[in-house]
Protein backbone atom coordinates (compact mmCIF):
# COMPACT_ATOMS: atom_id res chain seq x y z
CA MET A 1 44.09 50.57 -16.68
CA ALA A 2 41.74 48.92 -14.19
CA GLY A 3 44.17 49.38 -11.30
CA TRP A 4 42.59 52.66 -10.21
CA ILE A 5 39.16 51.09 -9.58
CA PRO A 6 39.98 49.39 -6.23
CA TYR A 7 41.61 52.65 -5.10
CA VAL A 8 38.46 54.65 -5.88
CA LYS A 9 36.31 52.05 -4.07
CA ARG A 10 38.46 52.36 -0.96
CA ARG A 11 38.16 56.15 -1.10
CA LEU A 12 34.36 55.89 -1.35
CA GLU A 13 34.27 53.61 1.68
CA SER A 14 36.37 56.13 3.61
CA ILE A 15 34.04 58.95 2.58
CA GLN A 16 31.03 56.95 3.77
CA LYS A 17 32.64 56.32 7.18
CA LEU A 18 33.66 59.97 7.60
CA SER A 19 30.21 61.20 6.60
CA GLN A 20 28.63 58.86 9.16
CA LEU A 21 30.83 60.33 11.90
CA SER A 22 29.81 63.84 10.87
CA LEU A 23 26.11 63.01 10.65
CA ASP A 24 26.15 61.49 14.12
CA LYS A 25 26.91 64.96 15.46
CA LEU A 26 23.74 66.53 13.99
CA ARG A 27 21.04 67.38 16.50
CA ASP A 28 18.30 66.68 13.99
CA LYS A 29 18.40 62.88 14.03
CA GLU A 30 15.71 62.56 11.38
CA LEU A 31 17.73 64.72 8.97
CA ALA A 32 20.89 62.78 9.85
CA GLU A 33 19.17 59.47 9.06
CA PHE A 34 17.85 60.84 5.75
CA LEU A 35 21.27 62.11 4.68
CA HIS A 36 22.89 58.84 5.75
CA ARG A 37 20.50 56.83 3.56
CA ARG A 38 21.08 59.14 0.58
CA ILE A 39 24.87 59.00 0.90
CA ALA A 40 24.84 55.20 1.34
CA LYS A 41 22.56 54.85 -1.71
CA HIS A 42 24.78 56.93 -4.01
CA ILE A 43 28.01 55.33 -2.80
CA GLY A 44 26.48 51.86 -3.21
CA GLU A 45 25.44 52.67 -6.79
CA SER A 46 28.92 54.00 -7.55
CA GLY A 47 30.43 50.81 -6.09
CA LEU A 48 28.25 48.64 -8.33
CA LEU A 49 29.27 50.67 -11.37
CA LEU A 50 32.94 50.33 -10.48
CA ASP A 51 32.55 46.56 -10.00
CA SER A 52 30.94 46.31 -13.44
CA LEU A 53 33.78 48.31 -14.99
CA LEU A 54 36.35 46.09 -13.27
CA ASN A 55 34.66 42.92 -14.55
CA TYR A 56 34.49 44.43 -18.03
CA PHE A 57 38.23 45.14 -18.03
CA ARG A 58 38.96 41.61 -16.81
CA VAL A 59 36.98 40.07 -19.65
CA THR A 60 38.15 42.37 -22.43
CA ALA A 61 41.81 42.67 -21.37
CA PRO A 62 43.05 39.14 -20.57
CA ILE A 63 46.63 38.62 -19.43
CA LYS A 64 49.14 36.64 -21.46
CA LYS A 65 50.06 33.37 -19.79
CA ARG A 66 53.70 33.08 -18.72
CA GLU A 67 55.80 30.47 -16.94
CA THR A 68 52.82 28.14 -16.35
CA VAL A 69 54.96 24.99 -16.09
CA ASN A 70 57.42 26.51 -13.62
CA ILE A 71 54.62 28.06 -11.54
CA LEU A 72 52.80 24.72 -11.26
CA ILE A 73 56.02 22.95 -10.25
CA GLY A 74 56.40 25.44 -7.42
CA GLU A 75 52.76 24.88 -6.46
CA VAL A 76 52.99 21.08 -6.23
CA LEU A 77 56.29 21.25 -4.32
CA GLU A 78 54.79 23.64 -1.80
CA LYS A 79 51.79 21.36 -1.24
CA SER A 80 54.12 18.35 -0.77
CA GLN A 81 56.47 20.12 1.63
CA ALA A 82 55.31 18.12 4.66
CA GLN A 83 56.07 14.79 2.93
CA LEU A 84 59.46 16.08 1.76
CA ASN A 85 60.32 17.22 5.29
CA GLU A 86 59.20 13.89 6.75
CA LYS A 87 61.76 12.06 4.60
CA ASP A 88 64.40 14.78 5.07
CA VAL A 89 64.66 15.21 1.30
CA LYS A 90 67.24 17.60 -0.12
CA LEU A 91 65.42 19.59 -2.81
CA PHE A 92 66.79 21.43 -5.83
CA LYS A 93 65.29 23.13 -8.88
CA LYS A 94 66.81 24.09 -12.21
CA LEU A 95 64.02 25.81 -14.11
CA GLU A 96 64.54 27.54 -17.45
CA LYS A 97 63.60 31.21 -17.34
CA ASP A 98 60.83 32.39 -19.71
CA LEU A 99 59.86 28.81 -20.50
CA PRO A 100 57.36 28.69 -23.40
CA GLU A 101 53.76 27.62 -22.83
CA ILE A 102 52.92 24.03 -23.75
CA ILE A 103 49.79 22.58 -25.35
CA VAL A 104 48.67 20.85 -22.13
CA SER A 105 45.99 22.65 -20.12
CA GLU A 106 46.59 23.31 -16.43
CA GLU A 107 44.54 20.51 -14.83
CA PRO A 108 46.14 17.59 -16.75
CA LEU A 109 49.56 19.18 -16.22
CA ARG A 110 48.90 19.58 -12.50
CA PHE A 111 47.89 15.89 -12.33
CA LEU A 112 51.10 14.83 -14.12
CA LEU A 113 53.37 16.90 -11.88
CA LYS A 114 51.65 15.77 -8.68
CA SER A 115 51.76 12.14 -9.78
CA ILE A 116 55.46 11.98 -10.69
CA LEU A 117 56.33 13.84 -7.48
CA GLN A 118 54.16 11.43 -5.49
CA TYR A 119 55.93 8.52 -7.17
CA GLY A 120 59.35 9.94 -6.38
CA VAL A 121 58.62 10.72 -2.73
CA ALA A 122 56.99 7.31 -2.14
CA SER A 123 59.89 5.45 -3.79
CA MET A 124 62.72 7.26 -2.01
CA PRO A 125 64.36 6.19 1.25
CA LEU A 126 65.24 8.81 3.87
CA HIS A 127 67.87 11.54 3.39
CA GLU A 128 67.97 11.45 -0.42
CA THR A 129 67.85 14.16 -3.10
CA LEU A 130 64.98 15.16 -5.36
CA GLY A 131 64.83 17.86 -8.00
CA PHE A 132 62.86 19.33 -10.88
CA SER A 133 64.35 20.73 -14.06
CA THR A 134 62.77 22.29 -17.14
CA ARG A 135 64.17 23.19 -20.54
CA SER A 136 62.98 23.98 -24.05
CA PHE A 137 64.53 22.46 -27.15
CA PHE A 138 64.00 21.96 -30.88
CA GLN A 139 63.77 18.67 -32.71
CA GLU A 140 62.92 17.53 -36.21
CA LEU A 141 59.24 16.91 -36.86
CA PRO A 142 57.78 13.92 -38.69
CA PRO A 143 56.71 14.76 -42.28
CA GLU A 144 52.97 14.78 -41.47
CA GLN A 145 53.53 17.50 -38.83
CA ALA A 146 56.04 19.64 -40.71
CA LEU A 147 53.50 22.10 -42.12
CA PHE A 148 55.24 25.24 -40.84
CA GLY A 149 58.85 24.05 -40.82
CA LYS A 150 61.05 21.02 -40.29
CA GLU A 151 61.67 21.67 -36.59
CA GLY A 152 59.28 21.90 -33.67
CA GLN A 153 59.86 23.34 -30.22
CA TYR A 154 59.27 21.21 -27.14
CA VAL A 155 59.45 21.56 -23.37
CA GLU A 156 61.00 18.86 -21.19
CA ILE A 157 60.02 18.53 -17.52
CA THR A 158 62.26 16.17 -15.54
CA LEU A 159 62.02 14.88 -11.98
CA PHE A 160 65.29 13.45 -10.60
CA PHE A 161 65.52 11.45 -7.40
CA THR A 162 68.22 9.34 -5.78
CA GLY A 163 68.15 6.07 -3.90
CA CYS A 164 65.78 4.34 -6.34
CA LYS A 165 65.94 1.63 -8.96
CA LYS A 166 63.94 1.29 -12.14
CA PRO A 167 60.50 -0.21 -11.45
CA VAL A 168 60.05 -3.91 -12.15
CA GLU A 169 56.91 -5.66 -13.40
CA HIS A 170 55.83 -8.48 -11.07
CA PRO A 171 53.74 -11.52 -12.08
CA LYS A 172 50.02 -11.05 -11.42
CA GLU A 173 49.52 -14.48 -9.88
CA GLY A 174 50.66 -15.61 -6.43
CA THR A 175 50.84 -14.02 -2.98
CA LYS A 176 52.74 -10.75 -2.85
CA SER A 177 54.55 -9.07 0.01
CA LYS A 178 53.60 -5.58 1.14
CA ALA A 179 56.73 -4.20 -0.54
CA VAL A 180 55.77 -5.80 -3.85
CA GLN A 181 52.18 -4.56 -3.51
CA LYS A 182 53.47 -1.03 -2.93
CA GLU A 183 55.72 -1.29 -5.97
CA ASP A 184 52.80 -2.50 -8.09
CA SER A 185 50.72 0.48 -6.95
CA LEU A 186 53.51 2.87 -7.90
CA ASN A 187 53.89 1.15 -11.27
CA LEU A 188 50.18 1.68 -11.86
CA LEU A 189 50.65 5.38 -11.07
CA LEU A 190 53.39 5.59 -13.71
CA LYS A 191 51.12 3.87 -16.24
CA MET A 192 48.45 6.54 -15.59
CA VAL A 193 51.06 9.27 -16.05
CA ASN A 194 52.20 7.69 -19.30
CA GLU A 195 48.62 7.48 -20.58
CA MET A 196 47.79 11.07 -19.58
CA ALA A 197 50.95 12.32 -21.30
CA ARG A 198 50.10 10.35 -24.44
CA ARG A 199 46.54 11.75 -24.48
CA ASN A 200 48.03 15.26 -24.47
CA ARG A 201 50.49 14.59 -27.33
CA GLY A 202 53.35 14.11 -24.91
CA VAL A 203 55.91 11.46 -24.08
CA MET A 204 57.00 10.05 -20.72
CA LYS A 205 60.53 8.68 -20.38
CA LEU A 206 61.93 6.71 -17.45
CA GLN A 207 65.71 6.46 -17.05
CA GLY A 208 68.07 5.06 -14.42
CA ASP A 209 71.83 5.33 -14.12
CA GLU A 210 74.20 2.36 -14.42
CA LYS A 211 74.65 2.03 -10.65
CA GLU A 212 70.86 2.13 -10.15
CA THR A 213 71.17 4.88 -7.58
CA LYS A 214 69.35 7.65 -9.49
CA LEU A 215 66.10 7.65 -11.42
CA SER A 216 64.55 10.32 -13.63
CA ILE A 217 61.08 10.72 -15.07
CA SER A 218 60.84 13.08 -18.04
CA LEU A 219 57.75 14.52 -19.71
CA GLU A 220 58.05 16.12 -23.15
CA PHE A 221 55.31 18.23 -24.73
CA PRO A 222 55.07 20.41 -27.84
CA VAL A 223 55.10 24.15 -27.32
CA GLU A 224 51.81 25.95 -27.89
CA ARG A 225 52.14 27.91 -31.15
CA ARG A 226 49.25 30.23 -30.38
CA ARG A 227 49.47 33.01 -27.82
CA THR A 228 47.63 31.93 -24.67
CA PHE A 229 45.80 34.20 -22.24
CA TYR A 230 43.86 33.95 -19.00
CA HIS A 231 41.28 36.09 -17.26
CA PRO A 232 42.33 37.17 -13.75
CA SER A 233 40.18 36.09 -10.81
CA ASN A 234 37.58 38.41 -9.33
CA ASN A 235 39.12 37.90 -5.88
């Protein structure tokens, strides 16, 4: 409904420019200046009214949120492209279409995605593979949560990367090499991810294969039962 407002504003700006060209041809410069001020005044008032209408529509007609998880994955990958290129990482994505919204708000989710990607890129040697996958699934709820049914829907976000082993806890005492110090820093990052996931009713899982050549970090969160909306930006 509000899509016609920018069009009308552009037409008003064109009218103002055309009228200025016409007024410049008048011999009576005083009359031309008077008409120019009047036209500019009325067009300016119309522009303000249209801006108010546009803001009104934005507030009263919010847009339903869709694909937030997948969109944020694309965002963090794009911002990390230079690091991925530097390590010559082969990237893949397997993202479920029409993925439900989860209960986590965007900023904590953005932190979680950036952090596990940072962990993966920092842990990997050159010329390895990294990928994101998403899926929704149902699982049985504990009795205290089964108010609206026995099963609840969840979303799983998984980062896979090759060339890595499961992290190891090192003793706190004693002198540590740079490699061990780096590993400790990455372990701390995982602990922060785990705590942030827990604070948002989620679970972090860390899994490695038998040959210790592939590692995955999974985040699981309940699906948001309520319909979620956002207000589009004024830009």
